[in-house]
PDB file of all heavy atoms in Angstrom:
ATOM      1  N   ILE A   1      11.130   4.614  -3.459  1.00  0.00           N
ATOM      2  CA  ILE A   1      11.299   3.198  -3.783  1.00  0.00           C
ATOM      3  C   ILE A   1      12.305   2.577  -2.828  1.00  0.00           C
ATOM      4  O   ILE A   1      13.255   3.241  -2.393  1.00  0.00           O
ATOM      5  CB  ILE A   1      11.747   3.041  -5.266  1.00  0.00           C
ATOM      6  CG1 ILE A   1      11.835   1.559  -5.661  1.00  0.00           C
ATOM      7  CG2 ILE A   1      13.059   3.778  -5.532  1.00  0.00           C
ATOM      8  CD1 ILE A   1      11.999   1.349  -7.162  1.00  0.00           C
ATOM      9  N   GLY A   2      12.091   1.321  -2.464  1.00  0.00           N
ATOM     10  CA  GLY A   2      12.987   0.611  -1.558  1.00  0.00           C
ATOM     11  C   GLY A   2      13.171  -0.827  -1.996  1.00  0.00           C
ATOM     12  O   GLY A   2      12.758  -1.208  -3.101  1.00  0.00           O
ATOM     13  N   MET A   3      13.778  -1.619  -1.134  1.00  0.00           N
ATOM     14  CA  MET A   3      14.080  -3.004  -1.524  1.00  0.00           C
ATOM     15  C   MET A   3      14.127  -3.926  -0.317  1.00  0.00           C
ATOM     16  O   MET A   3      14.539  -3.530   0.781  1.00  0.00           O
ATOM     17  CB  MET A   3      15.419  -3.072  -2.261  1.00  0.00           C
ATOM     18  CG  MET A   3      15.821  -4.476  -2.720  1.00  0.00           C
ATOM     19  SD  MET A   3      17.221  -4.505  -3.869  1.00  0.00           S
ATOM     20  CE  MET A   3      18.526  -3.806  -2.860  1.00  0.00           C
ATOM     21  N   ILE A   4      13.738  -5.172  -0.556  1.00  0.00           N
ATOM     22  CA  ILE A   4      13.963  -6.283   0.366  1.00  0.00           C
ATOM     23  C   ILE A   4      14.894  -7.259  -0.330  1.00  0.00           C
ATOM     24  O   ILE A   4      14.630  -7.679  -1.469  1.00  0.00           O
ATOM     25  CB  ILE A   4      12.654  -6.990   0.759  1.00  0.00           C
ATOM     26  CG1 ILE A   4      11.788  -6.061   1.619  1.00  0.00           C
ATOM     27  CG2 ILE A   4      12.939  -8.296   1.492  1.00  0.00           C
ATOM     28  CD1 ILE A   4      10.411  -6.615   1.922  1.00  0.00           C
ATOM     29  N   ARG A   5      16.004  -7.607   0.334  1.00  0.00           N
ATOM     30  CA  ARG A   5      16.985  -8.528  -0.264  1.00  0.00           C
ATOM     31  C   ARG A   5      17.257  -9.700   0.670  1.00  0.00           C
ATOM     32  O   ARG A   5      17.887  -9.542   1.716  1.00  0.00           O
ATOM     33  CB  ARG A   5      18.305  -7.819  -0.556  1.00  0.00           C
ATOM     34  CG  ARG A   5      19.387  -8.791  -1.075  1.00  0.00           C
ATOM     35  CD  ARG A   5      20.628  -8.065  -1.509  1.00  0.00           C
ATOM     36  NE  ARG A   5      21.511  -7.722  -0.428  1.00  0.00           N
ATOM     37  CZ  ARG A   5      22.550  -8.485  -0.030  1.00  0.00           C
ATOM     38  NH1 ARG A   5      22.796  -9.648  -0.626  1.00  0.00           N
ATOM     39  NH2 ARG A   5      23.324  -8.082   0.944  1.00  0.00           N
ATOM     40  N   PRO A   6      16.793 -10.901   0.326  1.00  0.00           N
ATOM     41  CA  PRO A   6      17.176 -12.083   1.105  1.00  0.00           C
ATOM     42  C   PRO A   6      18.657 -12.383   0.916  1.00  0.00           C
ATOM     43  O   PRO A   6      19.144 -12.427  -0.209  1.00  0.00           O
ATOM     44  CB  PRO A   6      16.309 -13.202   0.517  1.00  0.00           C
ATOM     45  CG  PRO A   6      15.257 -12.508  -0.295  1.00  0.00           C
ATOM     46  CD  PRO A   6      15.862 -11.221  -0.753  1.00  0.00           C
ATOM     47  N   GLN A   7      19.357 -12.595   2.032  1.00  0.00           N
ATOM     48  CA  GLN A   7      20.745 -13.054   1.964  1.00  0.00           C
ATOM     49  C   GLN A   7      20.816 -14.574   2.077  1.00  0.00           C
ATOM     50  O   GLN A   7      21.739 -15.204   1.561  1.00  0.00           O
ATOM     51  CB  GLN A   7      21.564 -12.398   3.076  1.00  0.00           C
ATOM     52  CG  GLN A   7      21.715 -10.897   2.893  1.00  0.00           C
ATOM     53  CD  GLN A   7      22.275 -10.233   4.121  1.00  0.00           C
ATOM     54  OE1 GLN A   7      21.654 -10.215   5.180  1.00  0.00           O
ATOM     55  NE2 GLN A   7      23.458  -9.664   3.988  1.00  0.00           N
ATOM     56  N   ILE A   8      19.864 -15.126   2.783  1.00  0.00           N
ATOM     57  CA  ILE A   8      19.615 -16.567   2.785  1.00  0.00           C
ATOM     58  C   ILE A   8      18.257 -16.765   2.125  1.00  0.00           C
ATOM     59  O   ILE A   8      17.269 -16.171   2.554  1.00  0.00           O
ATOM     60  CB  ILE A   8      19.628 -17.142   4.210  1.00  0.00           C
ATOM     61  CG1 ILE A   8      21.053 -17.137   4.773  1.00  0.00           C
ATOM     62  CG2 ILE A   8      19.043 -18.544   4.242  1.00  0.00           C
ATOM     63  CD1 ILE A   8      21.160 -17.670   6.197  1.00  0.00           C
ATOM     64  N   ILE A   9      18.204 -17.557   1.064  1.00  0.00           N
ATOM     65  CA  ILE A   9      16.933 -17.746   0.359  1.00  0.00           C
ATOM     66  C   ILE A   9      16.200 -18.999   0.792  1.00  0.00           C
ATOM     67  O   ILE A   9      15.053 -19.208   0.393  1.00  0.00           O
ATOM     68  CB  ILE A   9      17.132 -17.712  -1.171  1.00  0.00           C
ATOM     69  CG1 ILE A   9      18.181 -18.732  -1.615  1.00  0.00           C
ATOM     70  CG2 ILE A   9      17.510 -16.310  -1.621  1.00  0.00           C
ATOM     71  CD1 ILE A   9      18.325 -18.830  -3.132  1.00  0.00           C
ATOM     72  N   ASN A  10      16.839 -19.805   1.603  1.00  0.00           N
ATOM     73  CA  ASN A  10      16.134 -20.887   2.299  1.00  0.00           C
ATOM     74  C   ASN A  10      16.806 -21.078   3.659  1.00  0.00           C
ATOM     75  O   ASN A  10      17.988 -21.381   3.708  1.00  0.00           O
ATOM     76  CB  ASN A  10      16.167 -22.209   1.532  1.00  0.00           C
ATOM     77  CG  ASN A  10      15.184 -23.202   2.135  1.00  0.00           C
ATOM     78  OD1 ASN A  10      13.989 -22.958   2.144  1.00  0.00           O
ATOM     79  ND2 ASN A  10      15.685 -24.298   2.652  1.00  0.00           N
ATOM     80  N   PRO A  11      16.083 -20.830   4.765  1.00  0.00           N
ATOM     81  CA  PRO A  11      14.664 -20.444   4.826  1.00  0.00           C
ATOM     82  C   PRO A  11      14.442 -19.025   4.317  1.00  0.00           C
ATOM     83  O   PRO A  11      15.281 -18.141   4.559  1.00  0.00           O
ATOM     84  CB  PRO A  11      14.335 -20.557   6.311  1.00  0.00           C
ATOM     85  CG  PRO A  11      15.645 -20.333   6.997  1.00  0.00           C
ATOM     86  CD  PRO A  11      16.682 -20.954   6.129  1.00  0.00           C
ATOM     87  N   TYR A  12      13.326 -18.831   3.653  1.00  0.00           N
ATOM     88  CA  TYR A  12      13.043 -17.532   3.039  1.00  0.00           C
ATOM     89  C   TYR A  12      12.506 -16.544   4.078  1.00  0.00           C
ATOM     90  O   TYR A  12      11.721 -16.932   4.951  1.00  0.00           O
ATOM     91  CB  TYR A  12      12.013 -17.693   1.916  1.00  0.00           C
ATOM     92  CG  TYR A  12      11.913 -16.459   1.044  1.00  0.00           C
ATOM     93  CD1 TYR A  12      12.838 -16.229   0.037  1.00  0.00           C
ATOM     94  CD2 TYR A  12      10.910 -15.514   1.247  1.00  0.00           C
ATOM     95  CE1 TYR A  12      12.772 -15.091  -0.765  1.00  0.00           C
ATOM     96  CE2 TYR A  12      10.845 -14.377   0.455  1.00  0.00           C
ATOM     97  CZ  TYR A  12      11.770 -14.171  -0.552  1.00  0.00           C
ATOM     98  OH  TYR A  12      11.712 -13.037  -1.316  1.00  0.00           O
ATOM     99  N   PRO A  13      12.896 -15.268   3.987  1.00  0.00           N
ATOM    100  CA  PRO A  13      12.470 -14.283   4.981  1.00  0.00           C
ATOM    101  C   PRO A  13      11.069 -13.722   4.699  1.00  0.00           C
ATOM    102  O   PRO A  13      10.896 -12.539   4.389  1.00  0.00           O
ATOM    103  CB  PRO A  13      13.537 -13.199   4.873  1.00  0.00           C
ATOM    104  CG  PRO A  13      13.945 -13.235   3.436  1.00  0.00           C
ATOM    105  CD  PRO A  13      13.900 -14.695   3.052  1.00  0.00           C
ATOM    106  N   TYR A  14      10.070 -14.569   4.822  1.00  0.00           N
ATOM    107  CA  TYR A  14       8.700 -14.110   4.583  1.00  0.00           C
ATOM    108  C   TYR A  14       8.345 -12.940   5.505  1.00  0.00           C
ATOM    109  O   TYR A  14       7.599 -12.038   5.121  1.00  0.00           O
ATOM    110  CB  TYR A  14       7.718 -15.261   4.799  1.00  0.00           C
ATOM    111  CG  TYR A  14       7.923 -16.427   3.863  1.00  0.00           C
ATOM    112  CD1 TYR A  14       8.406 -17.650   4.327  1.00  0.00           C
ATOM    113  CD2 TYR A  14       7.659 -16.307   2.499  1.00  0.00           C
ATOM    114  CE1 TYR A  14       8.597 -18.719   3.467  1.00  0.00           C
ATOM    115  CE2 TYR A  14       7.858 -17.378   1.626  1.00  0.00           C
ATOM    116  CZ  TYR A  14       8.334 -18.579   2.117  1.00  0.00           C
ATOM    117  OH  TYR A  14       8.524 -19.625   1.266  1.00  0.00           O
ATOM    118  N   GLU A  15       8.884 -12.963   6.716  1.00  0.00           N
ATOM    119  CA  GLU A  15       8.553 -11.927   7.695  1.00  0.00           C
ATOM    120  C   GLU A  15       9.029 -10.545   7.266  1.00  0.00           C
ATOM    121  O   GLU A  15       8.503  -9.518   7.733  1.00  0.00           O
ATOM    122  CB  GLU A  15       9.143 -12.274   9.061  1.00  0.00           C
ATOM    123  CG  GLU A  15      10.654 -12.212   9.168  1.00  0.00           C
ATOM    124  CD  GLU A  15      11.385 -13.456   8.682  1.00  0.00           C
ATOM    125  OE1 GLU A  15      10.744 -14.310   8.025  1.00  0.00           O
ATOM    126  OE2 GLU A  15      12.595 -13.568   8.947  1.00  0.00           O
ATOM    127  N   ALA A  16      10.011 -10.477   6.369  1.00  0.00           N
ATOM    128  CA  ALA A  16      10.512  -9.178   5.918  1.00  0.00           C
ATOM    129  C   ALA A  16       9.412  -8.358   5.256  1.00  0.00           C
ATOM    130  O   ALA A  16       9.387  -7.122   5.357  1.00  0.00           O
ATOM    131  CB  ALA A  16      11.671  -9.372   4.944  1.00  0.00           C
ATOM    132  N   TYR A  17       8.495  -9.038   4.591  1.00  0.00           N
ATOM    133  CA  TYR A  17       7.444  -8.337   3.856  1.00  0.00           C
ATOM    134  C   TYR A  17       6.370  -7.769   4.779  1.00  0.00           C
ATOM    135  O   TYR A  17       5.545  -6.954   4.343  1.00  0.00           O
ATOM    136  CB  TYR A  17       6.843  -9.274   2.804  1.00  0.00           C
ATOM    137  CG  TYR A  17       7.854  -9.623   1.734  1.00  0.00           C
ATOM    138  CD1 TYR A  17       8.839 -10.590   1.953  1.00  0.00           C
ATOM    139  CD2 TYR A  17       7.855  -8.966   0.507  1.00  0.00           C
ATOM    140  CE1 TYR A  17       9.785 -10.894   0.990  1.00  0.00           C
ATOM    141  CE2 TYR A  17       8.795  -9.262  -0.465  1.00  0.00           C
ATOM    142  CZ  TYR A  17       9.758 -10.222  -0.222  1.00  0.00           C
ATOM    143  OH  TYR A  17      10.707 -10.504  -1.184  1.00  0.00           O
ATOM    144  N   ASP A  18       6.393  -8.175   6.041  1.00  0.00           N
ATOM    145  CA  ASP A  18       5.492  -7.571   7.018  1.00  0.00           C
ATOM    146  C   ASP A  18       5.961  -6.171   7.411  1.00  0.00           C
ATOM    147  O   ASP A  18       5.205  -5.414   8.027  1.00  0.00           O
ATOM    148  CB  ASP A  18       5.390  -8.447   8.272  1.00  0.00           C
ATOM    149  CG  ASP A  18       4.750  -9.802   7.977  1.00  0.00           C
ATOM    150  OD1 ASP A  18       3.978  -9.892   6.995  1.00  0.00           O
ATOM    151  OD2 ASP A  18       5.033 -10.772   8.720  1.00  0.00           O
ATOM    152  N   GLU A  19       7.206  -5.841   7.081  1.00  0.00           N
ATOM    153  CA  GLU A  19       7.741  -4.508   7.392  1.00  0.00           C
ATOM    154  C   GLU A  19       7.287  -3.445   6.395  1.00  0.00           C
ATOM    155  O   GLU A  19       7.474  -2.252   6.623  1.00  0.00           O
ATOM    156  CB  GLU A  19       9.272  -4.558   7.434  1.00  0.00           C
ATOM    157  CG  GLU A  19       9.836  -5.480   8.502  1.00  0.00           C
ATOM    158  CD  GLU A  19      11.350  -5.479   8.530  1.00  0.00           C
ATOM    159  OE1 GLU A  19      11.950  -4.482   8.058  1.00  0.00           O
ATOM    160  OE2 GLU A  19      11.933  -6.467   8.997  1.00  0.00           O
ATOM    161  N   ILE A  20       6.692  -3.876   5.295  1.00  0.00           N
ATOM    162  CA  ILE A  20       6.206  -2.934   4.291  1.00  0.00           C
ATOM    163  C   ILE A  20       4.948  -2.237   4.807  1.00  0.00           C
ATOM    164  O   ILE A  20       4.058  -2.868   5.389  1.00  0.00           O
ATOM    165  CB  ILE A  20       5.902  -3.664   2.967  1.00  0.00           C
ATOM    166  CG1 ILE A  20       7.185  -4.261   2.373  1.00  0.00           C
ATOM    167  CG2 ILE A  20       5.239  -2.725   1.965  1.00  0.00           C
ATOM    168  CD1 ILE A  20       6.945  -5.146   1.157  1.00  0.00           C
ATOM    169  N   ASN A  21       4.855  -0.948   4.593  1.00  0.00           N
ATOM    170  CA  ASN A  21       3.641  -0.192   4.906  1.00  0.00           C
ATOM    171  C   ASN A  21       2.713  -0.284   3.691  1.00  0.00           C
ATOM    172  O   ASN A  21       2.878   0.449   2.712  1.00  0.00           O
ATOM    173  CB  ASN A  21       3.978   1.260   5.219  1.00  0.00           C
ATOM    174  CG  ASN A  21       2.753   2.064   5.618  1.00  0.00           C
ATOM    175  OD1 ASN A  21       1.611   1.624   5.461  1.00  0.00           O
ATOM    176  ND2 ASN A  21       2.969   3.263   6.133  1.00  0.00           N
ATOM    177  N   TYR A  22       1.747  -1.191   3.753  1.00  0.00           N
ATOM    178  CA  TYR A  22       0.886  -1.428   2.592  1.00  0.00           C
ATOM    179  C   TYR A  22      -0.135  -0.320   2.381  1.00  0.00           C
ATOM    180  O   TYR A  22      -0.826  -0.311   1.352  1.00  0.00           O
ATOM    181  CB  TYR A  22       0.218  -2.795   2.713  1.00  0.00           C
ATOM    182  CG  TYR A  22       1.204  -3.937   2.549  1.00  0.00           C
ATOM    183  CD1 TYR A  22       1.742  -4.583   3.661  1.00  0.00           C
ATOM    184  CD2 TYR A  22       1.625  -4.341   1.289  1.00  0.00           C
ATOM    185  CE1 TYR A  22       2.675  -5.610   3.514  1.00  0.00           C
ATOM    186  CE2 TYR A  22       2.544  -5.367   1.126  1.00  0.00           C
ATOM    187  CZ  TYR A  22       3.068  -5.995   2.252  1.00  0.00           C
ATOM    188  OH  TYR A  22       3.983  -7.012   2.090  1.00  0.00           O
ATOM    189  N   ASP A  23      -0.241   0.606   3.314  1.00  0.00           N
ATOM    190  CA  ASP A  23      -1.053   1.795   3.073  1.00  0.00           C
ATOM    191  C   ASP A  23      -0.342   2.752   2.126  1.00  0.00           C
ATOM    192  O   ASP A  23      -0.975   3.586   1.476  1.00  0.00           O
ATOM    193  CB  ASP A  23      -1.353   2.514   4.396  1.00  0.00           C
ATOM    194  CG  ASP A  23      -2.259   1.709   5.303  1.00  0.00           C
ATOM    195  OD1 ASP A  23      -3.083   0.938   4.766  1.00  0.00           O
ATOM    196  OD2 ASP A  23      -2.139   1.839   6.532  1.00  0.00           O
ATOM    197  N   VAL A  24       0.968   2.616   2.062  1.00  0.00           N
ATOM    198  CA  VAL A  24       1.790   3.481   1.219  1.00  0.00           C
ATOM    199  C   VAL A  24       2.247   2.757  -0.046  1.00  0.00           C
ATOM    200  O   VAL A  24       2.215   3.306  -1.142  1.00  0.00           O
ATOM    201  CB  VAL A  24       3.022   3.992   2.008  1.00  0.00           C
ATOM    202  CG1 VAL A  24       3.975   4.762   1.096  1.00  0.00           C
ATOM    203  CG2 VAL A  24       2.583   4.848   3.179  1.00  0.00           C
ATOM    204  N   CYS A  25       2.676   1.523   0.120  1.00  0.00           N
ATOM    205  CA  CYS A  25       3.221   0.752  -1.009  1.00  0.00           C
ATOM    206  C   CYS A  25       2.113   0.355  -1.987  1.00  0.00           C
ATOM    207  O   CYS A  25       1.101  -0.220  -1.590  1.00  0.00           O
ATOM    208  CB  CYS A  25       3.940  -0.498  -0.498  1.00  0.00           C
ATOM    209  SG  CYS A  25       4.673  -1.493  -1.808  1.00  0.00           S
ATOM    210  N   LYS A  26       2.331   0.650  -3.252  1.00  0.00           N
ATOM    211  CA  LYS A  26       1.330   0.370  -4.282  1.00  0.00           C
ATOM    212  C   LYS A  26       1.751  -0.741  -5.239  1.00  0.00           C
ATOM    213  O   LYS A  26       0.949  -1.190  -6.058  1.00  0.00           O
ATOM    214  CB  LYS A  26       1.036   1.637  -5.088  1.00  0.00           C
ATOM    215  CG  LYS A  26       0.588   2.822  -4.239  1.00  0.00           C
ATOM    216  CD  LYS A  26      -0.627   2.477  -3.383  1.00  0.00           C
ATOM    217  CE  LYS A  26      -1.053   3.663  -2.518  1.00  0.00           C
ATOM    218  NZ  LYS A  26      -2.144   3.290  -1.586  1.00  0.00           N
ATOM    219  N   MET A  27       3.033  -1.183  -5.150  1.00  0.00           N
ATOM    220  CA  MET A  27       3.502  -2.208  -6.079  1.00  0.00           C
ATOM    221  C   MET A  27       4.774  -2.866  -5.557  1.00  0.00           C
ATOM    222  O   MET A  27       5.658  -2.192  -5.033  1.00  0.00           O
ATOM    223  CB  MET A  27       3.783  -1.610  -7.457  1.00  0.00           C
ATOM    224  CG  MET A  27       4.142  -2.626  -8.531  1.00  0.00           C
ATOM    225  SD  MET A  27       2.736  -3.671  -9.000  1.00  0.00           S
ATOM    226  CE  MET A  27       1.672  -2.461  -9.820  1.00  0.00           C
ATOM    227  N   ILE A  28       4.848  -4.185  -5.706  1.00  0.00           N
ATOM    228  CA  ILE A  28       6.085  -4.937  -5.474  1.00  0.00           C
ATOM    229  C   ILE A  28       6.644  -5.303  -6.842  1.00  0.00           C
ATOM    230  O   ILE A  28       5.911  -5.804  -7.706  1.00  0.00           O
ATOM    231  CB  ILE A  28       5.833  -6.234  -4.676  1.00  0.00           C
ATOM    232  CG1 ILE A  28       5.066  -5.957  -3.385  1.00  0.00           C
ATOM    233  CG2 ILE A  28       7.155  -6.951  -4.402  1.00  0.00           C
ATOM    234  CD1 ILE A  28       5.824  -5.175  -2.354  1.00  0.00           C
ATOM    235  N   LEU A  29       7.928  -5.057  -7.037  1.00  0.00           N
ATOM    236  CA  LEU A  29       8.578  -5.399  -8.308  1.00  0.00           C
ATOM    237  C   LEU A  29       9.624  -6.478  -8.058  1.00  0.00           C
ATOM    238  O   LEU A  29      10.662  -6.225  -7.440  1.00  0.00           O
ATOM    239  CB  LEU A  29       9.231  -4.160  -8.930  1.00  0.00           C
ATOM    240  CG  LEU A  29       9.940  -4.382 -10.274  1.00  0.00           C
ATOM    241  CD1 LEU A  29       8.947  -4.835 -11.348  1.00  0.00           C
ATOM    242  CD2 LEU A  29      10.674  -3.122 -10.712  1.00  0.00           C
ATOM    243  N   ASP A  30       9.329  -7.684  -8.521  1.00  0.00           N
ATOM    244  CA  ASP A  30      10.281  -8.796  -8.419  1.00  0.00           C
ATOM    245  C   ASP A  30      11.289  -8.680  -9.550  1.00  0.00           C
ATOM    246  O   ASP A  30      10.912  -8.654 -10.729  1.00  0.00           O
ATOM    247  CB  ASP A  30       9.532 -10.127  -8.507  1.00  0.00           C
ATOM    248  CG  ASP A  30      10.459 -11.302  -8.683  1.00  0.00           C
ATOM    249  OD1 ASP A  30      11.275 -11.550  -7.769  1.00  0.00           O
ATOM    250  OD2 ASP A  30      10.378 -11.984  -9.732  1.00  0.00           O
ATOM    251  N   VAL A  31      12.568  -8.590  -9.185  1.00  0.00           N
ATOM    252  CA  VAL A  31      13.644  -8.440 -10.165  1.00  0.00           C
ATOM    253  C   VAL A  31      14.538  -9.673 -10.100  1.00  0.00           C
ATOM    254  O   VAL A  31      15.111  -9.973  -9.047  1.00  0.00           O
ATOM    255  CB  VAL A  31      14.477  -7.167  -9.889  1.00  0.00           C
ATOM    256  CG1 VAL A  31      15.650  -7.074 -10.867  1.00  0.00           C
ATOM    257  CG2 VAL A  31      13.597  -5.920  -9.987  1.00  0.00           C
TER     258      VAL A  31
END
């Protein structure tokens, strides 16, 4: 399990989610 944490929420780091390996990742959990 890992995490993406925006330190600035505007502008939002949409590009961070491109770093996820979606062949491996099966779920995103918004907390």
